[in-house]
Amino acid sequence: MGIVDRAIANSVPVIPRPIVKRISGRYIAGDTLDEAVKTVRDLNREGCVATIDLLGESTESKADAARKLKDYKKVVDTIDEHDLKSGISIKLTGLGLTLNEELCRANAEEIVEYADARGRFVRVDMEDSPYTDATLGIVHDLYRRHGNTGAVLQAYMRRSLDDVQNVIDAGFSVRLCKGIYDEPRSIAYKDFATVRQNYIFLLDELLKGGVYVGIATHDEFLIWHALRLIHQLEVPADRYEFQMLLGVDEELRSILVDAGHKLRVYVPYGEDWYEYSTRRLKENPKIAGYVAKDVIGSITGKVKR
């Protein structure tokens, strides 16, 4: 990762919100569900499937959680109405996990059952470490009753090998990513090369274990190793997919799609765009480099005009 990219990423907190808003259009579908629908429709035409991600995490009341549940149902209805090739992702803190686990379980059960009746998949996002045990426990129980749900594991977490073994035993689908939250070294690997190596190790275990894997990365080094493992283990095409974020390395996305691999794009939308944008920039300095080019390009464009 370039020194300039990292410097830009570290300066994210002082970047004015209007600038972040302007450049986030590349990585976020927009504020509204209609904008997300348009984005997903375009991706479907390009040969990609999608997951719609309504931005926003923790709720402060039961009423907030009820509103989030209603919003998630609206996403499912809209996907169905427009016959989009898409699922939905949910965050358990948005459904009340910070308030009461039983409340959250009831809300999560309701949205998963609602989506199941319409033939749609629900990915339960992984949040920061205080919620890992509860999240995996809830997914395990939901999967046993409905089947249309899966979890996310993060390669930078030291516990993830044990979680992989538990997931394989349970049989539910996994999205494997590097990890995005700022966790202490006592529970998370901090070295870039170590996280990469652990990602490859965990992916190997998951593919051998027979579960469906979402290979979520823009790191071509990891994608090469994923392709190697798929070849060596003779993993059938219906047992894996690649996953990428909206607006990141679209050339690599096209390369994978053209090679015949299933590829899913995460399509975030909503009014809570600022926290998502700044977290993504800090997590992936390379994206910060893309942002710098966008800003410089827009400035030079205005000068030329």
Protein backbone atom coordinates (compact mmCIF):
# COMPACT_ATOMS: atom_id res chain seq x y z
CA MET A 1 0.00 0.00 0.00
CA GLY A 2 1.35 3.38 -0.98
CA ILE A 3 2.55 5.89 1.60
CA VAL A 4 0.39 8.57 -0.03
CA ASP A 5 -2.69 6.33 0.08
CA ARG A 6 -2.15 5.63 3.78
CA ALA A 7 -1.58 9.29 4.54
CA ILE A 8 -4.86 10.16 2.82
CA ALA A 9 -6.67 7.40 4.72
CA ASN A 10 -5.32 8.67 8.05
CA SER A 11 -6.55 12.18 7.23
CA VAL A 12 -10.14 11.04 6.64
CA PRO A 13 -11.50 12.54 9.90
CA VAL A 14 -10.53 16.04 8.75
CA ILE A 15 -11.89 15.75 5.21
CA PRO A 16 -14.97 18.03 4.99
CA ARG A 17 -18.24 16.12 4.90
CA PRO A 18 -19.36 17.68 1.58
CA ILE A 19 -16.23 16.30 -0.10
CA VAL A 20 -16.76 12.85 1.41
CA LYS A 21 -20.39 13.02 0.29
CA ARG A 22 -19.43 13.93 -3.26
CA ILE A 23 -16.85 11.20 -3.70
CA SER A 24 -18.84 8.52 -1.86
CA GLY A 25 -21.18 8.36 -4.86
CA ARG A 26 -18.76 5.87 -6.39
CA TYR A 27 -19.07 3.49 -3.44
CA ILE A 28 -22.65 4.07 -2.30
CA ALA A 29 -25.74 3.67 -4.48
CA GLY A 30 -27.37 6.75 -2.94
CA ASP A 31 -29.65 7.81 -0.12
CA THR A 32 -32.76 5.99 -1.37
CA LEU A 33 -33.87 2.45 -2.12
CA ASP A 34 -34.84 3.52 -5.65
CA GLU A 35 -31.20 4.43 -6.27
CA ALA A 36 -30.10 1.05 -4.97
CA VAL A 37 -32.57 -0.68 -7.31
CA LYS A 38 -31.14 1.17 -10.31
CA THR A 39 -27.61 0.20 -9.30
CA VAL A 40 -28.51 -3.45 -8.83
CA ARG A 41 -30.36 -3.55 -12.14
CA ASP A 42 -27.24 -2.22 -13.89
CA LEU A 43 -25.06 -4.79 -12.13
CA ASN A 44 -27.42 -7.60 -13.13
CA ARG A 45 -27.09 -6.51 -16.76
CA GLU A 46 -23.31 -6.76 -16.37
CA GLY A 47 -23.59 -10.35 -15.17
CA CYS A 48 -23.24 -9.69 -11.43
CA VAL A 49 -25.59 -10.57 -8.60
CA ALA A 50 -25.94 -8.27 -5.61
CA THR A 51 -26.64 -7.86 -1.94
CA ILE A 52 -28.44 -4.70 -0.87
CA ASP A 53 -27.03 -3.24 2.33
CA LEU A 54 -29.14 -0.66 4.18
CA LEU A 55 -26.63 1.51 6.02
CA GLY A 56 -26.91 2.12 9.75
CA GLU A 57 -26.03 0.09 12.80
CA SER A 58 -26.93 0.42 16.48
CA THR A 59 -30.43 1.36 17.55
CA GLU A 60 -31.31 3.24 20.71
CA SER A 61 -34.82 1.93 21.35
CA LYS A 62 -37.29 -0.83 20.55
CA ALA A 63 -39.04 1.62 18.25
CA ASP A 64 -35.79 2.16 16.31
CA ALA A 65 -35.39 -1.60 15.94
CA ALA A 66 -38.98 -1.94 14.74
CA ARG A 67 -38.39 0.75 12.11
CA LYS A 68 -35.24 -1.01 10.93
CA LEU A 69 -37.15 -4.28 10.65
CA LYS A 70 -39.82 -2.53 8.58
CA ASP A 71 -37.12 -1.02 6.35
CA TYR A 72 -35.50 -4.44 5.81
CA LYS A 73 -38.88 -5.89 4.80
CA LYS A 74 -39.33 -3.05 2.32
CA VAL A 75 -35.96 -3.94 0.77
CA VAL A 76 -37.05 -7.57 0.37
CA ASP A 77 -40.38 -6.51 -1.15
CA THR A 78 -38.62 -4.18 -3.58
CA ILE A 79 -36.12 -6.83 -4.67
CA ASP A 80 -39.05 -9.15 -5.30
CA GLU A 81 -41.13 -6.51 -7.09
CA HIS A 82 -38.32 -5.70 -9.54
CA ASP A 83 -37.19 -9.34 -9.88
CA LEU A 84 -33.61 -8.43 -9.05
CA LYS A 85 -30.82 -10.96 -8.68
CA SER A 86 -30.08 -9.86 -5.14
CA GLY A 87 -30.24 -10.76 -1.50
CA ILE A 88 -30.14 -8.51 1.55
CA SER A 89 -27.69 -8.01 4.40
CA ILE A 90 -28.74 -7.13 7.93
CA LYS A 91 -26.98 -5.88 11.03
CA LEU A 92 -28.11 -7.31 14.34
CA THR A 93 -27.27 -4.16 16.30
CA GLY A 94 -29.79 -2.42 14.04
CA LEU A 95 -32.39 -4.96 15.13
CA GLY A 96 -31.81 -4.38 18.83
CA LEU A 97 -28.80 -6.52 19.82
CA THR A 98 -27.35 -3.66 21.89
CA LEU A 99 -30.65 -3.42 23.78
CA ASN A 100 -31.76 -6.98 24.35
CA GLU A 101 -30.69 -10.22 22.68
CA GLU A 102 -34.18 -11.75 22.79
CA LEU A 103 -35.63 -8.68 21.09
CA CYS A 104 -32.95 -8.96 18.42
CA ARG A 105 -33.57 -12.68 17.94
CA ALA A 106 -37.27 -12.09 17.42
CA ASN A 107 -36.64 -9.33 14.89
CA ALA A 108 -33.98 -11.33 13.04
CA GLU A 109 -36.29 -14.36 12.93
CA GLU A 110 -39.03 -12.21 11.45
CA ILE A 111 -36.95 -10.78 8.61
CA VAL A 112 -35.30 -14.11 7.76
CA GLU A 113 -38.68 -15.87 7.70
CA TYR A 114 -40.12 -13.01 5.62
CA ALA A 115 -37.29 -13.29 3.10
CA ASP A 116 -37.49 -17.08 3.06
CA ALA A 117 -41.14 -16.94 2.01
CA ARG A 118 -40.02 -14.88 -0.99
CA GLY A 119 -37.03 -17.02 -1.89
CA ARG A 120 -34.43 -14.48 -0.80
CA PHE A 121 -31.17 -14.93 1.12
CA VAL A 122 -30.25 -12.90 4.20
CA ARG A 123 -26.60 -12.35 5.06
CA VAL A 124 -26.08 -11.43 8.70
CA ASP A 125 -23.18 -9.00 8.80
CA MET A 126 -20.43 -9.34 11.37
CA GLU A 127 -19.90 -6.30 13.54
CA ASP A 128 -17.22 -5.57 16.12
CA SER A 129 -15.99 -8.12 18.63
CA PRO A 130 -18.44 -7.59 21.55
CA TYR A 131 -21.18 -9.02 19.28
CA THR A 132 -19.35 -11.94 17.64
CA ASP A 133 -20.59 -14.75 19.90
CA ALA A 134 -24.19 -13.56 19.87
CA THR A 135 -24.15 -13.03 16.10
CA LEU A 136 -22.85 -16.50 15.32
CA GLY A 137 -25.25 -18.07 17.82
CA ILE A 138 -28.24 -16.30 16.28
CA VAL A 139 -27.20 -17.25 12.73
CA HIS A 140 -26.78 -20.87 13.81
CA ASP A 141 -30.31 -20.99 15.21
CA LEU A 142 -31.85 -19.15 12.25
CA TYR A 143 -30.14 -21.47 9.77
CA ARG A 144 -31.50 -24.56 11.49
CA ARG A 145 -35.04 -23.23 11.16
CA HIS A 146 -34.93 -21.52 7.78
CA GLY A 147 -31.76 -22.25 5.82
CA ASN A 148 -31.71 -18.96 3.90
CA THR A 149 -29.11 -17.24 6.02
CA GLY A 150 -25.39 -17.19 6.67
CA ALA A 151 -22.68 -15.34 8.57
CA VAL A 152 -19.49 -13.38 8.02
CA LEU A 153 -16.06 -14.36 9.35
CA GLN A 154 -13.10 -12.00 9.51
CA ALA A 155 -9.60 -13.27 8.75
CA TYR A 156 -7.90 -10.80 11.08
CA MET A 157 -9.62 -12.25 14.15
CA ARG A 158 -7.52 -14.78 16.07
CA ARG A 159 -10.63 -16.80 16.95
CA SER A 160 -11.73 -17.32 13.34
CA LEU A 161 -10.18 -20.77 12.90
CA ASP A 162 -12.37 -22.10 15.72
CA ASP A 163 -15.36 -20.30 14.21
CA VAL A 164 -14.62 -21.89 10.83
CA GLN A 165 -14.76 -25.35 12.35
CA ASN A 166 -18.07 -24.56 14.06
CA VAL A 167 -19.51 -23.18 10.82
CA ILE A 168 -18.47 -26.30 8.91
CA ASP A 169 -20.20 -28.45 11.53
CA ALA A 170 -23.34 -26.31 11.31
CA GLY A 171 -23.29 -26.15 7.51
CA PHE A 172 -24.28 -22.55 6.88
CA SER A 173 -22.81 -20.23 4.26
CA VAL A 174 -19.91 -17.91 5.08
CA ARG A 175 -18.74 -14.61 3.67
CA LEU A 176 -14.99 -14.49 4.36
CA CYS A 177 -13.42 -11.03 4.52
CA LYS A 178 -10.25 -9.57 6.03
CA GLY A 179 -12.01 -7.49 8.68
CA ILE A 180 -12.75 -3.81 9.07
CA TYR A 181 -13.18 -2.84 12.74
CA ASP A 182 -10.37 -1.46 14.89
CA GLU A 183 -9.80 -4.39 17.26
CA PRO A 184 -7.02 -4.77 19.88
CA ARG A 185 -3.98 -6.88 19.03
CA SER A 186 -4.88 -9.33 21.79
CA ILE A 187 -7.77 -10.62 19.65
CA ALA A 188 -6.87 -9.54 16.12
CA TYR A 189 -3.85 -9.88 13.86
CA LYS A 190 -2.40 -6.50 12.95
CA ASP A 191 0.27 -7.47 10.42
CA PHE A 192 -0.95 -7.21 6.80
CA ALA A 193 0.94 -10.31 5.62
CA THR A 194 -0.33 -12.36 8.57
CA VAL A 195 -3.94 -11.42 7.84
CA ARG A 196 -3.42 -12.45 4.22
CA GLN A 197 -1.94 -15.80 5.20
CA ASN A 198 -4.74 -16.45 7.67
CA TYR A 199 -7.30 -15.59 4.99
CA ILE A 200 -5.82 -18.25 2.68
CA PHE A 201 -5.69 -20.78 5.52
CA LEU A 202 -9.32 -20.17 6.55
CA LEU A 203 -10.51 -20.27 2.93
CA ASP A 204 -8.76 -23.60 2.42
CA GLU A 205 -10.51 -25.01 5.49
CA LEU A 206 -13.92 -23.69 4.41
CA LEU A 207 -13.64 -25.03 0.86
CA LYS A 208 -12.52 -28.43 2.14
CA GLY A 209 -15.35 -28.34 4.69
CA GLY A 210 -18.00 -28.22 1.98
CA VAL A 211 -19.82 -25.03 2.96
CA TYR A 212 -20.78 -22.31 0.47
CA VAL A 213 -18.17 -19.56 0.59
CA GLY A 214 -18.40 -15.91 -0.39
CA ILE A 215 -14.79 -14.97 -1.17
CA ALA A 216 -14.94 -11.29 -0.24
CA THR A 217 -11.79 -9.44 -1.25
CA HIS A 218 -10.38 -6.98 -3.78
CA ASP A 219 -6.84 -8.21 -3.10
CA GLU A 220 -5.69 -9.91 -6.31
CA PHE A 221 -3.07 -11.87 -4.37
CA LEU A 222 -5.87 -13.48 -2.35
CA ILE A 223 -8.02 -13.94 -5.43
CA TRP A 224 -5.14 -15.79 -7.12
CA HIS A 225 -4.87 -18.10 -4.13
CA ALA A 226 -8.64 -18.58 -4.13
CA LEU A 227 -8.54 -19.61 -7.79
CA ARG A 228 -5.66 -21.95 -7.02
CA LEU A 229 -7.59 -23.63 -4.21
CA ILE A 230 -10.75 -23.89 -6.31
CA HIS A 231 -8.72 -25.63 -9.02
CA GLN A 232 -6.73 -27.91 -6.72
CA LEU A 233 -9.73 -28.95 -4.63
CA GLU A 234 -12.00 -29.21 -7.69
CA VAL A 235 -14.61 -27.02 -6.01
CA PRO A 236 -17.79 -26.93 -8.13
CA ALA A 237 -19.12 -23.57 -9.31
CA ASP A 238 -22.20 -23.83 -7.10
CA ARG A 239 -20.11 -23.89 -3.92
CA TYR A 240 -18.49 -20.47 -4.05
CA GLU A 241 -18.74 -16.93 -5.32
CA PHE A 242 -16.49 -13.88 -5.33
CA GLN A 243 -17.75 -10.77 -3.58
CA MET A 244 -16.69 -7.15 -4.00
CA LEU A 245 -17.79 -3.73 -2.81
CA LEU A 246 -19.51 -1.29 -5.12
CA GLY A 247 -17.09 0.98 -6.96
CA VAL A 248 -13.87 -0.85 -6.04
CA ASP A 249 -11.62 -2.34 -8.75
CA GLU A 250 -14.30 -2.70 -11.38
CA GLU A 251 -11.70 -3.96 -13.86
CA LEU A 252 -10.91 -6.97 -11.66
CA ARG A 253 -14.64 -7.50 -11.19
CA SER A 254 -15.10 -7.71 -14.96
CA ILE A 255 -12.15 -10.08 -15.32
CA LEU A 256 -13.73 -12.53 -12.87
CA VAL A 257 -17.19 -12.27 -14.43
CA ASP A 258 -15.79 -12.75 -17.94
CA ALA A 259 -13.95 -15.85 -16.71
CA GLY A 260 -17.31 -17.34 -15.72
CA HIS A 261 -17.17 -16.91 -11.95
CA LYS A 262 -20.23 -15.87 -9.98
CA LEU A 263 -19.61 -12.43 -8.55
CA ARG A 264 -21.70 -10.57 -6.01
CA VAL A 265 -21.46 -6.82 -5.43
CA TYR A 266 -22.43 -5.32 -2.08
CA VAL A 267 -24.64 -2.30 -2.77
CA PRO A 268 -24.94 0.03 0.24
CA TYR A 269 -27.48 2.82 0.37
CA GLY A 270 -29.07 5.06 2.97
CA GLU A 271 -28.71 8.31 4.84
CA ASP A 272 -26.05 6.91 7.21
CA TRP A 273 -23.41 7.19 4.48
CA TYR A 274 -20.75 9.15 6.38
CA GLU A 275 -19.66 6.52 8.91
CA TYR A 276 -19.61 3.84 6.20
CA SER A 277 -17.56 6.02 3.85
CA THR A 278 -14.95 7.05 6.40
CA ARG A 279 -14.58 3.51 7.79
CA ARG A 280 -14.03 2.08 4.31
CA LEU A 281 -11.44 4.72 3.52
CA LYS A 282 -9.52 4.05 6.73
CA GLU A 283 -9.76 0.27 6.30
CA ASN A 284 -8.53 0.25 2.72
CA PRO A 285 -5.96 2.96 1.94
CA LYS A 286 -6.02 1.90 -1.70
CA ILE A 287 -9.60 3.18 -1.87
CA ALA A 288 -8.30 6.44 -0.44
CA GLY A 289 -5.98 6.60 -3.43
CA TYR A 290 -8.95 6.21 -5.76
CA VAL A 291 -10.70 8.99 -3.87
CA ALA A 292 -7.70 11.30 -4.22
CA LYS A 293 -7.71 10.74 -7.97
CA ASP A 294 -11.43 11.51 -8.08
CA VAL A 295 -10.95 14.75 -6.16
CA ILE A 296 -7.91 15.85 -8.17
CA GLY A 297 -9.69 14.97 -11.40
CA SER A 298 -12.74 17.01 -10.46
CA ILE A 299 -10.59 19.99 -9.50
CA THR A 300 -8.51 19.90 -12.69
CA GLY A 301 -11.68 19.44 -14.70
CA LYS A 302 -13.15 22.62 -13.24
CA VAL A 303 -9.91 24.50 -13.97
CA LYS A 304 -9.96 23.36 -17.61
CA ARG A 305 -13.55 24.50 -18.03
